[in-house]
C-alpha atoms as a PDB file:
ATOM      1  CA  UNK A   1       0.000   0.000   0.000  1.00  0.00           C
ATOM      2  CA  UNK A   2       1.233   3.535  -0.723  1.00  0.00           C
ATOM      3  CA  UNK A   3       2.455   5.442   2.293  1.00  0.00           C
ATOM      4  CA  UNK A   4       2.006   9.193   2.127  1.00  0.00           C
ATOM      5  CA  UNK A   5      -0.445  11.862   3.220  1.00  0.00           C
ATOM      6  CA  UNK A   6      -2.646  13.868   0.892  1.00  0.00           C
ATOM      7  CA  UNK A   7      -2.998  17.500   1.962  1.00  0.00           C
ATOM      8  CA  UNK A   8      -5.588  19.608   0.205  1.00  0.00           C
ATOM      9  CA  UNK A   9      -7.672  22.812   0.445  1.00  0.00           C
ATOM     10  CA  UNK A  10      -6.425  26.355   0.603  1.00  0.00           C
ATOM     11  CA  UNK A  11      -7.440  26.787   4.228  1.00  0.00           C
ATOM     12  CA  UNK A  12      -5.013  24.154   5.544  1.00  0.00           C
ATOM     13  CA  UNK A  13      -2.505  26.795   6.622  1.00  0.00           C
ATOM     14  CA  UNK A  14      -5.175  28.763   8.459  1.00  0.00           C
ATOM     15  CA  UNK A  15      -6.321  25.637  10.269  1.00  0.00           C
ATOM     16  CA  UNK A  16      -2.776  24.805  11.296  1.00  0.00           C
ATOM     17  CA  UNK A  17      -1.987  28.275  12.633  1.00  0.00           C
ATOM     18  CA  UNK A  18      -5.121  28.509  14.751  1.00  0.00           C
ATOM     19  CA  UNK A  19      -4.837  25.071  16.348  1.00  0.00           C
ATOM     20  CA  UNK A  20      -4.269  25.200  20.100  1.00  0.00           C
ATOM     21  CA  UNK A  21      -0.544  24.887  20.786  1.00  0.00           C
ATOM     22  CA  UNK A  22      -1.212  23.835  24.391  1.00  0.00           C
ATOM     23  CA  UNK A  23      -3.239  20.717  23.541  1.00  0.00           C
ATOM     24  CA  UNK A  24      -1.280  17.485  23.781  1.00  0.00           C
ATOM     25  CA  UNK A  25      -3.624  16.024  21.150  1.00  0.00           C
ATOM     26  CA  UNK A  26      -1.840  18.146  18.538  1.00  0.00           C
ATOM     27  CA  UNK A  27       1.557  16.626  19.250  1.00  0.00           C
ATOM     28  CA  UNK A  28       0.067  13.156  19.480  1.00  0.00           C
ATOM     29  CA  UNK A  29      -1.716  13.501  16.155  1.00  0.00           C
ATOM     30  CA  UNK A  30       1.468  14.723  14.496  1.00  0.00           C
ATOM     31  CA  UNK A  31       3.339  11.672  15.772  1.00  0.00           C
ATOM     32  CA  UNK A  32       0.476   9.424  14.682  1.00  0.00           C
ATOM     33  CA  UNK A  33       0.290  10.857  11.182  1.00  0.00           C
ATOM     34  CA  UNK A  34       4.055  10.560  10.785  1.00  0.00           C
ATOM     35  CA  UNK A  35       4.200   6.879  11.766  1.00  0.00           C
ATOM     36  CA  UNK A  36       1.048   5.136  10.554  1.00  0.00           C
ATOM     37  CA  UNK A  37       1.668   3.341   7.217  1.00  0.00           C
ATOM     38  CA  UNK A  38      -1.579   4.215   5.567  1.00  0.00           C
ATOM     39  CA  UNK A  39      -2.567   6.666   2.880  1.00  0.00           C
ATOM     40  CA  UNK A  40      -5.269   9.006   4.032  1.00  0.00           C
ATOM     41  CA  UNK A  41      -6.572  12.503   3.448  1.00  0.00           C
ATOM     42  CA  UNK A  42      -5.912  15.000   6.208  1.00  0.00           C
ATOM     43  CA  UNK A  43      -8.130  17.582   4.602  1.00  0.00           C
ATOM     44  CA  UNK A  44     -10.734  16.760   2.008  1.00  0.00           C
ATOM     45  CA  UNK A  45     -12.861  18.907  -0.302  1.00  0.00           C
ATOM     46  CA  UNK A  46     -16.144  18.065  -1.969  1.00  0.00           C
ATOM     47  CA  UNK A  47     -15.299  20.366  -4.894  1.00  0.00           C
ATOM     48  CA  UNK A  48     -12.176  20.869  -6.937  1.00  0.00           C
ATOM     49  CA  UNK A  49     -10.211  23.947  -5.873  1.00  0.00           C
ATOM     50  CA  UNK A  50      -7.915  23.742  -8.910  1.00  0.00           C
ATOM     51  CA  UNK A  51      -8.359  21.979 -12.242  1.00  0.00           C
ATOM     52  CA  UNK A  52      -5.087  20.689 -13.677  1.00  0.00           C
ATOM     53  CA  UNK A  53      -5.574  20.204 -17.422  1.00  0.00           C
ATOM     54  CA  UNK A  54      -2.175  18.775 -18.285  1.00  0.00           C
ATOM     55  CA  UNK A  55      -1.493  15.832 -15.983  1.00  0.00           C
ATOM     56  CA  UNK A  56       1.013  13.138 -16.845  1.00  0.00           C
ATOM     57  CA  UNK A  57      -1.827  10.654 -16.511  1.00  0.00           C
ATOM     58  CA  UNK A  58      -5.583  11.154 -16.296  1.00  0.00           C
ATOM     59  CA  UNK A  59      -5.720   7.896 -14.366  1.00  0.00           C
ATOM     60  CA  UNK A  60      -3.218   9.223 -11.837  1.00  0.00           C
ATOM     61  CA  UNK A  61      -5.127  12.486 -11.561  1.00  0.00           C
ATOM     62  CA  UNK A  62      -8.276  10.505 -10.851  1.00  0.00           C
ATOM     63  CA  UNK A  63      -6.533   8.541  -8.106  1.00  0.00           C
ATOM     64  CA  UNK A  64      -5.228  11.721  -6.484  1.00  0.00           C
ATOM     65  CA  UNK A  65      -8.661  13.344  -6.568  1.00  0.00           C
ATOM     66  CA  UNK A  66     -10.293  10.198  -5.252  1.00  0.00           C
ATOM     67  CA  UNK A  67      -7.961  10.123  -2.266  1.00  0.00           C
ATOM     68  CA  UNK A  68      -9.205  13.603  -1.363  1.00  0.00           C
ATOM     69  CA  UNK A  69     -12.842  12.514  -1.370  1.00  0.00           C
ATOM     70  CA  UNK A  70     -13.647  14.169  -4.700  1.00  0.00           C
ATOM     71  CA  UNK A  71     -16.885  12.883  -6.258  1.00  0.00           C
ATOM     72  CA  UNK A  72     -17.376  11.676  -9.870  1.00  0.00           C
ATOM     73  CA  UNK A  73     -19.033  15.030 -10.612  1.00  0.00           C
ATOM     74  CA  UNK A  74     -15.510  16.422 -10.910  1.00  0.00           C
ATOM     75  CA  UNK A  75     -15.289  14.801 -14.353  1.00  0.00           C
ATOM     76  CA  UNK A  76     -17.826  17.343 -15.607  1.00  0.00           C
ATOM     77  CA  UNK A  77     -15.616  20.200 -14.420  1.00  0.00           C
ATOM     78  CA  UNK A  78     -12.581  18.745 -16.176  1.00  0.00           C
ATOM     79  CA  UNK A  79     -14.634  18.312 -19.324  1.00  0.00           C
ATOM     80  CA  UNK A  80     -15.781  21.955 -19.243  1.00  0.00           C
ATOM     81  CA  UNK A  81     -12.384  23.394 -18.366  1.00  0.00           C
ATOM     82  CA  UNK A  82      -9.930  21.243 -20.301  1.00  0.00           C
ATOM     83  CA  UNK A  83     -11.150  22.066 -23.822  1.00  0.00           C
ATOM     84  CA  UNK A  84      -7.899  23.172 -25.456  1.00  0.00           C
ATOM     85  CA  UNK A  85      -7.220  21.349 -28.762  1.00  0.00           C
ATOM     86  CA  UNK A  86      -3.929  20.018 -27.382  1.00  0.00           C
ATOM     87  CA  UNK A  87      -5.617  18.677 -24.263  1.00  0.00           C
ATOM     88  CA  UNK A  88      -7.866  15.658 -24.472  1.00  0.00           C
ATOM     89  CA  UNK A  89      -9.689  14.752 -21.282  1.00  0.00           C
ATOM     90  CA  UNK A  90     -10.137  10.979 -21.019  1.00  0.00           C
ATOM     91  CA  UNK A  91     -13.258  10.693 -18.899  1.00  0.00           C
ATOM     92  CA  UNK A  92     -13.291   6.902 -18.686  1.00  0.00           C
ATOM     93  CA  UNK A  93      -9.653   6.653 -17.618  1.00  0.00           C
ATOM     94  CA  UNK A  94     -10.060   9.484 -15.107  1.00  0.00           C
ATOM     95  CA  UNK A  95     -13.149   7.906 -13.523  1.00  0.00           C
ATOM     96  CA  UNK A  96     -11.369   4.556 -13.226  1.00  0.00           C
ATOM     97  CA  UNK A  97      -8.584   6.264 -11.276  1.00  0.00           C
ATOM     98  CA  UNK A  98     -11.081   8.231  -9.219  1.00  0.00           C
ATOM     99  CA  UNK A  99     -12.805   5.005  -8.222  1.00  0.00           C
ATOM    100  CA  UNK A 100      -9.494   3.572  -7.008  1.00  0.00           C
ATOM    101  CA  UNK A 101      -8.779   6.704  -4.983  1.00  0.00           C
ATOM    102  CA  UNK A 102     -12.275   6.781  -3.495  1.00  0.00           C
ATOM    103  CA  UNK A 103     -11.868   3.156  -2.424  1.00  0.00           C
ATOM    104  CA  UNK A 104      -8.799   4.159  -0.376  1.00  0.00           C
ATOM    105  CA  UNK A 105     -10.591   7.215   0.971  1.00  0.00           C
ATOM    106  CA  UNK A 106     -13.568   5.118   2.082  1.00  0.00           C
ATOM    107  CA  UNK A 107     -11.474   2.577   4.003  1.00  0.00           C
ATOM    108  CA  UNK A 108     -12.408   2.270   7.662  1.00  0.00           C
ATOM    109  CA  UNK A 109      -8.878   3.179   8.740  1.00  0.00           C
ATOM    110  CA  UNK A 110      -9.044   6.447   6.818  1.00  0.00           C
ATOM    111  CA  UNK A 111     -12.427   7.219   8.367  1.00  0.00           C
ATOM    112  CA  UNK A 112     -10.840   6.714  11.782  1.00  0.00           C
ATOM    113  CA  UNK A 113      -8.014   9.132  11.032  1.00  0.00           C
ATOM    114  CA  UNK A 114     -10.396  11.736   9.610  1.00  0.00           C
ATOM    115  CA  UNK A 115     -12.478  11.526  12.792  1.00  0.00           C
ATOM    116  CA  UNK A 116      -9.400  11.674  15.004  1.00  0.00           C
ATOM    117  CA  UNK A 117      -8.143  14.722  13.100  1.00  0.00           C
ATOM    118  CA  UNK A 118     -11.509  16.502  13.323  1.00  0.00           C
ATOM    119  CA  UNK A 119     -11.785  16.782   9.556  1.00  0.00           C
ATOM    120  CA  UNK A 120     -15.088  16.961   7.683  1.00  0.00           C
ATOM    121  CA  UNK A 121     -15.829  13.809   5.690  1.00  0.00           C
ATOM    122  CA  UNK A 122     -17.091  13.718   2.118  1.00  0.00           C
ATOM    123  CA  UNK A 123     -20.127  11.739   0.946  1.00  0.00           C
ATOM    124  CA  UNK A 124     -18.486   9.662  -1.787  1.00  0.00           C
ATOM    125  CA  UNK A 125     -18.571   6.173  -0.294  1.00  0.00           C
ATOM    126  CA  UNK A 126     -20.716   3.461  -1.861  1.00  0.00           C
ATOM    127  CA  UNK A 127     -23.083   1.419   0.279  1.00  0.00           C
ATOM    128  CA  UNK A 128     -20.657  -1.483   0.664  1.00  0.00           C
ATOM    129  CA  UNK A 129     -17.894   0.868   1.888  1.00  0.00           C
ATOM    130  CA  UNK A 130     -19.977   3.344   3.841  1.00  0.00           C
ATOM    131  CA  UNK A 131     -20.562   1.283   6.983  1.00  0.00           C
ATOM    132  CA  UNK A 132     -16.859   0.612   7.596  1.00  0.00           C
ATOM    133  CA  UNK A 133     -15.985   4.225   6.835  1.00  0.00           C
ATOM    134  CA  UNK A 134     -18.769   5.568   9.074  1.00  0.00           C
ATOM    135  CA  UNK A 135     -17.737   3.282  11.938  1.00  0.00           C
ATOM    136  CA  UNK A 136     -14.118   4.399  11.643  1.00  0.00           C
ATOM    137  CA  UNK A 137     -15.166   8.056  11.506  1.00  0.00           C
ATOM    138  CA  UNK A 138     -17.397   7.725  14.572  1.00  0.00           C
ATOM    139  CA  UNK A 139     -14.715   5.854  16.520  1.00  0.00           C
ATOM    140  CA  UNK A 140     -12.086   8.461  15.689  1.00  0.00           C
ATOM    141  CA  UNK A 141     -14.355  11.347  16.680  1.00  0.00           C
ATOM    142  CA  UNK A 142     -15.208   9.691  19.982  1.00  0.00           C
ATOM    143  CA  UNK A 143     -11.533   9.279  20.862  1.00  0.00           C
ATOM    144  CA  UNK A 144     -10.759  12.832  19.768  1.00  0.00           C
ATOM    145  CA  UNK A 145     -13.519  14.267  21.965  1.00  0.00           C
ATOM    146  CA  UNK A 146     -12.326  12.236  24.954  1.00  0.00           C
ATOM    147  CA  UNK A 147      -8.784  13.541  24.514  1.00  0.00           C
ATOM    148  CA  UNK A 148      -9.918  17.145  24.099  1.00  0.00           C
ATOM    149  CA  UNK A 149     -12.076  16.907  27.234  1.00  0.00           C
ATOM    150  CA  UNK A 150      -9.116  15.549  29.196  1.00  0.00           C
ATOM    151  CA  UNK A 151      -6.750  18.205  27.887  1.00  0.00           C
ATOM    152  CA  UNK A 152      -9.164  21.007  28.752  1.00  0.00           C
ATOM    153  CA  UNK A 153      -9.502  19.707  32.305  1.00  0.00           C
ATOM    154  CA  UNK A 154      -5.725  19.463  32.584  1.00  0.00           C
ATOM    155  CA  UNK A 155      -5.671  23.089  31.476  1.00  0.00           C
ATOM    156  CA  UNK A 156      -7.822  24.051  34.471  1.00  0.00           C
ATOM    157  CA  UNK A 157      -5.434  22.197  36.768  1.00  0.00           C
ATOM    158  CA  UNK A 158      -2.587  24.168  35.239  1.00  0.00           C
ATOM    159  CA  UNK A 159      -4.462  27.406  35.950  1.00  0.00           C
ATOM    160  CA  UNK A 160      -5.031  26.406  39.566  1.00  0.00           C
ATOM    161  CA  UNK A 161      -1.367  25.540  40.035  1.00  0.00           C
ATOM    162  CA  UNK A 162      -0.508  28.907  38.488  1.00  0.00           C
ATOM    163  CA  UNK A 163      -2.486  30.779  41.131  1.00  0.00           C
ATOM    164  CA  UNK A 164      -5.744  31.421  39.287  1.00  0.00           C
ATOM    165  CA  UNK A 165      -9.034  31.129  41.164  1.00  0.00           C
ATOM    166  CA  UNK A 166     -11.552  28.743  39.645  1.00  0.00           C
ATOM    167  CA  UNK A 167     -14.972  28.755  41.327  1.00  0.00           C
ATOM    168  CA  UNK A 168     -17.994  26.540  40.592  1.00  0.00           C
ATOM    169  CA  UNK A 169     -20.055  29.568  39.523  1.00  0.00           C
ATOM    170  CA  UNK A 170     -17.408  31.432  37.589  1.00  0.00           C
ATOM    171  CA  UNK A 171     -14.230  30.886  35.647  1.00  0.00           C
ATOM    172  CA  UNK A 172     -11.878  33.771  36.443  1.00  0.00           C
ATOM    173  CA  UNK A 173      -8.930  34.352  34.140  1.00  0.00           C
ATOM    174  CA  UNK A 174      -7.656  37.778  35.110  1.00  0.00           C
ATOM    175  CA  UNK A 175      -4.416  37.439  33.166  1.00  0.00           C
ATOM    176  CA  UNK A 176      -5.475  35.039  30.443  1.00  0.00           C
ATOM    177  CA  UNK A 177      -5.609  36.378  26.917  1.00  0.00           C
ATOM    178  CA  UNK A 178      -5.440  34.965  23.424  1.00  0.00           C
ATOM    179  CA  UNK A 179      -7.021  32.320  21.241  1.00  0.00           C
ATOM    180  CA  UNK A 180      -5.684  29.357  23.243  1.00  0.00           C
ATOM    181  CA  UNK A 181      -7.473  30.403  26.423  1.00  0.00           C
ATOM    182  CA  UNK A 182     -10.711  31.229  24.597  1.00  0.00           C
ATOM    183  CA  UNK A 183     -10.665  27.774  23.021  1.00  0.00           C
ATOM    184  CA  UNK A 184     -10.343  26.091  26.417  1.00  0.00           C
ATOM    185  CA  UNK A 185     -13.029  28.330  27.891  1.00  0.00           C
ATOM    186  CA  UNK A 186     -15.433  27.336  25.129  1.00  0.00           C
ATOM    187  CA  UNK A 187     -14.629  23.645  25.604  1.00  0.00           C
ATOM    188  CA  UNK A 188     -15.036  23.784  29.364  1.00  0.00           C
ATOM    189  CA  UNK A 189     -18.326  25.671  29.116  1.00  0.00           C
ATOM    190  CA  UNK A 190     -19.622  22.951  26.800  1.00  0.00           C
ATOM    191  CA  UNK A 191     -18.724  20.288  29.376  1.00  0.00           C
ATOM    192  CA  UNK A 192     -20.019  22.284  32.350  1.00  0.00           C
ATOM    193  CA  UNK A 193     -22.935  24.579  31.406  1.00  0.00           C
ATOM    194  CA  UNK A 194     -23.228  25.655  35.042  1.00  0.00           C
ATOM    195  CA  UNK A 195     -19.800  27.288  34.856  1.00  0.00           C
ATOM    196  CA  UNK A 196     -20.161  30.939  33.881  1.00  0.00           C
ATOM    197  CA  UNK A 197     -16.944  31.999  32.181  1.00  0.00           C
ATOM    198  CA  UNK A 198     -15.893  35.546  33.019  1.00  0.00           C
ATOM    199  CA  UNK A 199     -12.697  37.524  33.428  1.00  0.00           C
ATOM    200  CA  UNK A 200     -11.429  39.568  36.355  1.00  0.00           C
ATOM    201  CA  UNK A 201     -10.566  39.077  39.998  1.00  0.00           C
ATOM    202  CA  UNK A 202     -12.953  37.102  42.260  1.00  0.00           C
ATOM    203  CA  UNK A 203     -15.513  39.311  43.991  1.00  0.00           C
ATOM    204  CA  UNK A 204     -15.186  39.655  47.754  1.00  0.00           C
ATOM    205  CA  UNK A 205     -18.744  38.315  48.053  1.00  0.00           C
ATOM    206  CA  UNK A 206     -17.750  34.989  46.496  1.00  0.00           C
ATOM    207  CA  UNK A 207     -17.628  32.482  49.340  1.00  0.00           C
ATOM    208  CA  UNK A 208     -17.675  29.276  47.331  1.00  0.00           C
ATOM    209  CA  UNK A 209     -14.977  26.684  47.724  1.00  0.00           C
ATOM    210  CA  UNK A 210     -12.586  26.735  44.753  1.00  0.00           C
ATOM    211  CA  UNK A 211     -13.418  24.134  42.150  1.00  0.00           C
ATOM    212  CA  UNK A 212     -11.601  20.814  42.602  1.00  0.00           C
ATOM    213  CA  UNK A 213     -10.530  19.489  39.253  1.00  0.00           C
ATOM    214  CA  UNK A 214     -10.956  15.738  38.883  1.00  0.00           C
ATOM    215  CA  UNK A 215      -9.531  14.093  35.797  1.00  0.00           C
ATOM    216  CA  UNK A 216      -9.618  10.412  36.769  1.00  0.00           C
ATOM    217  CA  UNK A 217     -12.995   9.852  35.105  1.00  0.00           C
ATOM    218  CA  UNK A 218     -11.833  11.663  31.960  1.00  0.00           C
ATOM    219  CA  UNK A 219      -8.691   9.529  31.809  1.00  0.00           C
ATOM    220  CA  UNK A 220     -10.895   6.450  32.090  1.00  0.00           C
ATOM    221  CA  UNK A 221     -13.166   7.802  29.338  1.00  0.00           C
ATOM    222  CA  UNK A 222     -10.170   8.353  27.075  1.00  0.00           C
ATOM    223  CA  UNK A 223      -8.725   4.907  27.790  1.00  0.00           C
ATOM    224  CA  UNK A 224     -12.104   3.327  27.075  1.00  0.00           C
ATOM    225  CA  UNK A 225     -12.398   5.135  23.733  1.00  0.00           C
ATOM    226  CA  UNK A 226      -8.828   4.149  22.831  1.00  0.00           C
ATOM    227  CA  UNK A 227      -9.458   0.511  23.793  1.00  0.00           C
ATOM    228  CA  UNK A 228     -12.651   0.488  21.735  1.00  0.00           C
ATOM    229  CA  UNK A 229     -10.716   1.795  18.726  1.00  0.00           C
ATOM    230  CA  UNK A 230      -7.985  -0.821  19.134  1.00  0.00           C
ATOM    231  CA  UNK A 231     -10.559  -3.606  19.438  1.00  0.00           C
ATOM    232  CA  UNK A 232     -11.852  -2.557  16.027  1.00  0.00           C
ATOM    233  CA  UNK A 233      -8.347  -2.618  14.577  1.00  0.00           C
ATOM    234  CA  UNK A 234      -7.719   1.142  14.711  1.00  0.00           C
ATOM    235  CA  UNK A 235      -4.365   1.410  16.441  1.00  0.00           C
ATOM    236  CA  UNK A 236      -3.075   4.696  17.796  1.00  0.00           C
ATOM    237  CA  UNK A 237      -0.044   5.857  19.782  1.00  0.00           C
ATOM    238  CA  UNK A 238      -2.030   8.470  21.713  1.00  0.00           C
ATOM    239  CA  UNK A 239      -1.435   8.459  25.476  1.00  0.00           C
ATOM    240  CA  UNK A 240      -4.410   9.185  27.721  1.00  0.00           C
ATOM    241  CA  UNK A 241      -2.415   9.788  30.903  1.00  0.00           C
END
């Protein structure tokens, strides 16, 4: 099997620069992507962002598009765009390559990695492939969410150790600024709707006991999701501790 990663879409750089540098999931995913011997799409697009009318092989172009989750409708775009007399679009050959690429894209293992990476999936899988792909996607997303929940809770522990006050009714971050902190705040609010996230020093009227951060159950949740993935044959080097 081929062993490389297909990167696509113009917004890949923007996604990379806005990812939270404090999340251990990022480092773990980088290690995972670098070591797993499987060809998968990190970012996929339902529409062509660039039509290349002079490929070395229309079959090869079809394979490359298929690996990105491009649908057979792309052939129509090639046909409309590649109309120069010196360029002959071979629809049949292209679609044969596209089918091969889509088969790789729709593999359960690729679905798992797409889910683990938090990437949107494309609806190009046939009925016989869809169930395995969907199961892999769901399993990957479940593990990703468990890891993100654990990392956000570890972030609160880091705040407490750093001298911040975290109360059950409020989340005070008097010195916290930037996208990384806002991302954690949003995640924590989603987990704990009763926590009102605000900034500033604790009010003198606040008499609540500071929030005790417990991560044991989140570690167990992560380990369970990882074990479930491994039972299905989706192996990962991610550490839940």
